[in-house]
Amino acid sequence: MIELIYPLEPAPLAGPEALASETVPVVDENGMVIGRASREFCHGQSSETSLLHPVVHLQIVDRYSRFFLQHRSENKETFPGRWDTAVGGHVAYGEYYQEALFREAGEELGFYDFNPQYLDNYIYQAENDREMIGLYVAVGSFDLHPDNYEVSEGRYWSLEEIDANLGKDVFTPEFENEYLLYKEQILALL
């Protein structure tokens, strides 16, 4: 159920053990927080009634125009075993986008020492999910350590490798959408 809250309360503790009760903000089309709901509730609605909630994505690109992608572990509830954006996760209730970005990068890849560049916010809608994605980019060659719980492995992919595997169920639909929409803008940062 959606609960309208004012003023904002602090975010609950986050981490793998808190996923069952993770509370996320519900936002309007302008990104203004209008309430909060459980993550499960936000993901359990039809596309017409899905609650818009914020998510962060980090694309990691090296100087050779290669994208670092994470291989989603078999523990993931959606698209297990597919390749995806380097870092992605929900913004917790009461948390800023950049706080969520650094938390997720640390949890998934042990990645803390980077300077993210904000690229855009956009709305992505799937069958039973509606997310406002804050897209960031980090450029460089980094020492990354997948957590082996959410991320089974990671590696850099060339543009040719990515393009050859689009539409073949190798990647998540969300990554493919983001890659096609923002590839040129991301590469312009190099």
Protein backbone atom coordinates (compact mmCIF):
# COMPACT_ATOMS: atom_id res chain seq x y z
CA MET A 1 0.00 0.00 0.00
CA ILE A 2 1.24 3.53 -0.66
CA GLU A 3 1.67 5.68 2.40
CA LEU A 4 1.92 9.44 2.07
CA ILE A 5 4.53 10.78 4.47
CA TYR A 6 5.54 14.32 5.36
CA PRO A 7 8.16 15.19 6.41
CA LEU A 8 10.52 12.47 5.16
CA GLU A 9 11.68 9.92 7.66
CA PRO A 10 15.17 8.32 7.68
CA ALA A 11 15.75 5.35 5.40
CA PRO A 12 15.62 1.85 6.90
CA LEU A 13 18.76 -0.24 7.12
CA ALA A 14 19.73 -1.68 3.72
CA GLY A 15 21.51 -4.86 2.71
CA PRO A 16 20.75 -8.36 1.45
CA GLU A 17 19.00 -9.34 4.70
CA ALA A 18 16.66 -6.31 4.46
CA LEU A 19 15.43 -6.93 0.90
CA ALA A 20 12.17 -8.50 2.08
CA SER A 21 11.19 -5.29 3.85
CA GLU A 22 12.99 -2.69 1.73
CA THR A 23 11.05 0.58 1.62
CA VAL A 24 11.42 2.76 -1.45
CA PRO A 25 10.15 6.25 -2.21
CA VAL A 26 7.27 6.65 -4.62
CA VAL A 27 7.81 9.61 -6.94
CA ASP A 28 5.81 11.57 -9.48
CA GLU A 29 6.93 12.12 -13.09
CA ASN A 30 9.08 15.08 -11.95
CA GLY A 31 10.91 12.99 -9.33
CA MET A 32 9.16 14.54 -6.32
CA VAL A 33 8.63 12.10 -3.47
CA ILE A 34 4.90 11.62 -2.91
CA GLY A 35 4.99 8.60 -0.62
CA ARG A 36 6.67 5.31 0.12
CA ALA A 37 5.94 1.66 -0.46
CA SER A 38 7.62 -1.70 -0.16
CA ARG A 39 9.81 -2.71 -3.05
CA GLU A 40 7.72 -5.84 -3.48
CA PHE A 41 4.52 -3.80 -3.81
CA CYS A 42 6.10 -1.54 -6.43
CA HIS A 43 7.15 -4.58 -8.46
CA GLY A 44 3.93 -6.52 -8.05
CA GLN A 45 1.54 -4.23 -9.90
CA SER A 46 0.48 -4.22 -13.54
CA SER A 47 2.17 -1.72 -15.84
CA GLU A 48 -0.90 0.55 -15.71
CA THR A 49 -0.86 0.82 -11.91
CA SER A 50 2.87 0.40 -11.16
CA LEU A 51 4.21 2.91 -8.70
CA LEU A 52 7.07 5.00 -10.06
CA HIS A 53 10.12 4.57 -7.84
CA PRO A 54 13.76 5.73 -8.18
CA VAL A 55 16.67 3.52 -9.19
CA VAL A 56 20.34 4.30 -9.89
CA HIS A 57 22.45 2.92 -12.72
CA LEU A 58 26.19 3.30 -13.20
CA GLN A 59 27.73 2.63 -16.58
CA ILE A 60 31.48 2.03 -16.29
CA VAL A 61 33.39 2.67 -19.51
CA ASP A 62 37.13 2.48 -20.10
CA ARG A 63 39.25 4.61 -22.47
CA TYR A 64 38.89 1.93 -25.18
CA SER A 65 35.09 2.48 -25.28
CA ARG A 66 34.44 -0.85 -23.57
CA PHE A 67 31.51 -1.16 -21.17
CA PHE A 68 31.97 -3.06 -17.92
CA LEU A 69 28.93 -5.30 -17.45
CA GLN A 70 27.87 -7.43 -14.52
CA HIS A 71 26.65 -10.99 -14.94
CA ARG A 72 23.56 -11.28 -12.76
CA SER A 73 23.80 -14.24 -10.42
CA GLU A 74 21.25 -17.03 -10.33
CA ASN A 75 20.07 -15.52 -6.98
CA LYS A 76 18.43 -12.56 -8.76
CA GLU A 77 14.63 -12.61 -8.98
CA THR A 78 14.56 -11.01 -12.43
CA PHE A 79 16.75 -11.97 -15.38
CA PRO A 80 19.15 -14.28 -13.52
CA GLY A 81 22.18 -15.23 -15.60
CA ARG A 82 21.96 -12.25 -17.95
CA TRP A 83 24.47 -9.45 -18.42
CA ASP A 84 23.46 -6.03 -17.16
CA THR A 85 24.55 -2.48 -16.39
CA ALA A 86 27.70 -2.38 -14.23
CA VAL A 87 25.78 -1.21 -11.14
CA GLY A 88 22.06 -0.87 -10.55
CA GLY A 89 19.80 -0.71 -7.56
CA HIS A 90 16.90 0.91 -5.78
CA VAL A 91 17.13 4.20 -3.94
CA ALA A 92 16.02 3.57 -0.35
CA TYR A 93 13.43 5.78 1.27
CA GLY A 94 15.18 8.90 2.65
CA GLU A 95 18.34 8.30 0.59
CA TYR A 96 19.82 10.59 -2.08
CA TYR A 97 20.55 9.23 -5.56
CA GLN A 98 24.34 9.54 -5.11
CA GLU A 99 24.18 7.84 -1.70
CA ALA A 100 22.37 4.93 -3.33
CA LEU A 101 24.87 4.92 -6.20
CA PHE A 102 27.90 4.57 -3.89
CA ARG A 103 26.09 2.04 -1.66
CA GLU A 104 25.13 -0.14 -4.62
CA ALA A 105 28.59 0.14 -6.24
CA GLY A 106 30.16 -0.92 -2.95
CA GLU A 107 27.75 -3.81 -2.40
CA GLU A 108 27.91 -5.19 -5.92
CA LEU A 109 31.52 -4.50 -6.99
CA GLY A 110 33.48 -3.33 -3.93
CA PHE A 111 33.75 -0.04 -5.86
CA TYR A 112 34.04 3.16 -3.80
CA ASP A 113 36.77 5.33 -5.32
CA PHE A 114 35.23 6.93 -8.39
CA ASN A 115 33.85 10.23 -9.58
CA PRO A 116 30.41 9.62 -11.12
CA GLN A 117 29.20 11.92 -13.85
CA TYR A 118 25.45 12.44 -13.93
CA LEU A 119 23.98 11.85 -17.38
CA ASP A 120 20.17 11.82 -17.15
CA ASN A 121 17.00 10.72 -15.38
CA TYR A 122 14.55 8.74 -17.45
CA ILE A 123 11.51 6.54 -16.89
CA TYR A 124 11.71 2.86 -17.79
CA GLN A 125 8.53 0.81 -17.81
CA ALA A 126 8.41 -2.99 -17.91
CA GLU A 127 5.53 -5.44 -17.56
CA ASN A 128 5.14 -5.01 -13.78
CA ASP A 129 7.64 -2.32 -12.91
CA ARG A 130 8.01 1.41 -13.47
CA GLU A 131 11.31 3.05 -12.52
CA MET A 132 12.78 6.53 -12.64
CA ILE A 133 16.40 5.78 -13.39
CA GLY A 134 19.19 8.15 -12.42
CA LEU A 135 21.94 7.35 -14.92
CA TYR A 136 25.60 7.98 -14.02
CA VAL A 137 28.85 7.19 -15.81
CA ALA A 138 32.35 6.48 -14.48
CA VAL A 139 35.21 6.56 -16.98
CA GLY A 140 38.43 4.66 -16.34
CA SER A 141 39.99 1.28 -15.72
CA PHE A 142 39.06 0.17 -12.24
CA ASP A 143 39.84 -2.78 -9.98
CA LEU A 144 36.37 -4.25 -9.51
CA HIS A 145 35.39 -7.19 -7.29
CA PRO A 146 31.93 -8.69 -7.92
CA ASP A 147 30.23 -9.76 -4.68
CA ASN A 148 29.36 -13.28 -5.94
CA TYR A 149 25.88 -13.01 -4.43
CA GLU A 150 24.14 -10.50 -6.70
CA VAL A 151 26.90 -10.44 -9.32
CA SER A 152 28.56 -13.70 -10.36
CA GLU A 153 31.22 -12.06 -12.52
CA GLY A 154 32.01 -8.94 -14.49
CA ARG A 155 34.04 -7.98 -17.52
CA TYR A 156 34.56 -5.29 -20.14
CA TRP A 157 32.65 -5.74 -23.41
CA SER A 158 33.62 -4.06 -26.68
CA LEU A 159 30.97 -2.17 -28.62
CA GLU A 160 31.15 -4.84 -31.33
CA GLU A 161 30.50 -7.63 -28.79
CA ILE A 162 27.52 -5.79 -27.33
CA ASP A 163 26.05 -4.92 -30.73
CA ALA A 164 26.41 -8.54 -31.93
CA ASN A 165 24.48 -9.86 -28.90
CA LEU A 166 21.59 -7.36 -28.78
CA GLY A 167 18.17 -9.03 -28.97
CA LYS A 168 19.56 -12.51 -28.21
CA ASP A 169 18.57 -12.75 -24.50
CA VAL A 170 22.20 -12.24 -23.46
CA PHE A 171 21.48 -8.89 -21.80
CA THR A 172 18.62 -7.61 -19.66
CA PRO A 173 16.00 -5.64 -21.60
CA GLU A 174 16.72 -2.65 -19.35
CA PHE A 175 20.43 -2.66 -20.29
CA GLU A 176 19.64 -2.97 -23.99
CA ASN A 177 17.22 -0.05 -23.79
CA GLU A 178 19.71 2.13 -21.91
CA TYR A 179 22.61 1.19 -24.19
CA LEU A 180 20.67 2.04 -27.35
CA LEU A 181 19.36 5.34 -25.92
CA TYR A 182 22.57 6.62 -24.32
CA LYS A 183 25.55 4.94 -26.04
CA GLU A 184 26.55 8.06 -28.00
CA GLN A 185 26.23 10.37 -24.98
CA ILE A 186 28.30 8.00 -22.85
CA LEU A 187 31.03 7.68 -25.48
CA ALA A 188 31.17 11.48 -25.82
CA LEU A 189 32.46 11.58 -22.22
CA LEU A 190 35.66 9.72 -23.18
